[in-house]
Amino acid sequence: MKNSLKVERAKKNYTQQDLAELIQVSRQTINGIESGKYVPSTVLALKIARVFEIPVEEIFQLDEED
């Protein structure tokens, strides 16, 4: 799964820690999602989309292998 989380954070000038606090996860979770090492749950993906006020599909995209 690909994602544009880092780009969306930059648009809002959020650090990984800022976003983590907003959705109540650790900074390491945000880092893992951005680096592609961790695929977020549906609930977590929806919380992230809500913070950025955009559809979840604009942040997360399936790879052809997915």
Protein backbone atom coordinates (compact mmCIF):
# COMPACT_ATOMS: atom_id res chain seq x y z
CA MET A 1 0.00 0.00 0.00
CA LYS A 2 1.30 3.43 -0.95
CA ASN A 3 0.43 6.60 0.90
CA SER A 4 0.89 10.35 0.71
CA LEU A 5 0.82 10.89 4.46
CA LYS A 6 4.11 12.78 4.56
CA VAL A 7 2.91 15.13 1.81
CA GLU A 8 -0.39 15.77 3.59
CA ARG A 9 1.45 16.46 6.85
CA ALA A 10 3.71 18.95 5.09
CA LYS A 11 0.70 20.80 3.66
CA LYS A 12 -0.60 21.37 7.20
CA ASN A 13 2.89 21.84 8.67
CA TYR A 14 2.34 18.94 11.10
CA THR A 15 5.18 16.94 12.57
CA GLN A 16 4.80 13.20 13.03
CA GLN A 17 4.29 13.91 16.73
CA ASP A 18 1.55 16.47 16.01
CA LEU A 19 -0.39 13.99 13.91
CA ALA A 20 0.18 11.18 16.39
CA GLU A 21 -1.29 13.27 19.19
CA LEU A 22 -4.32 14.25 17.09
CA ILE A 23 -5.23 10.62 16.38
CA GLN A 24 -3.93 9.21 19.68
CA VAL A 25 -1.18 6.90 18.47
CA SER A 26 2.58 6.91 18.91
CA ARG A 27 4.92 8.88 16.68
CA GLN A 28 6.49 5.55 15.74
CA THR A 29 3.13 4.43 14.31
CA ILE A 30 3.05 7.45 12.03
CA ASN A 31 6.65 6.79 10.99
CA GLY A 32 5.81 3.16 10.24
CA ILE A 33 2.84 4.12 8.09
CA GLU A 34 4.85 6.72 6.15
CA SER A 35 7.70 4.30 5.51
CA GLY A 36 5.33 1.55 4.37
CA LYS A 37 6.32 -0.82 7.18
CA TYR A 38 2.88 -0.64 8.81
CA VAL A 39 -0.55 -0.76 7.17
CA PRO A 40 -3.07 1.15 9.27
CA SER A 41 -6.37 -0.34 10.37
CA THR A 42 -9.52 0.94 8.75
CA VAL A 43 -10.32 2.97 11.86
CA LEU A 44 -6.86 4.53 11.93
CA ALA A 45 -6.96 5.34 8.20
CA LEU A 46 -10.35 7.01 8.65
CA LYS A 47 -9.08 9.05 11.61
CA ILE A 48 -6.14 10.24 9.53
CA ALA A 49 -8.42 11.20 6.64
CA ARG A 50 -10.67 13.10 9.05
CA VAL A 51 -7.73 15.14 10.36
CA PHE A 52 -6.81 16.19 6.82
CA GLU A 53 -10.45 16.58 5.76
CA ILE A 54 -9.96 14.55 2.59
CA PRO A 55 -11.18 11.12 1.43
CA VAL A 56 -9.12 8.18 2.67
CA GLU A 57 -8.41 7.21 -0.96
CA GLU A 58 -6.49 10.45 -1.44
CA ILE A 59 -4.03 9.39 1.27
CA PHE A 60 -3.86 5.60 0.81
CA GLN A 61 -3.62 3.74 -2.51
CA LEU A 62 -3.37 0.03 -3.17
CA ASP A 63 -0.29 -1.27 -4.97
CA GLU A 64 -0.77 -3.70 -7.83
CA GLU A 65 0.64 -6.43 -5.53
CA ASP A 66 -2.06 -5.69 -2.93
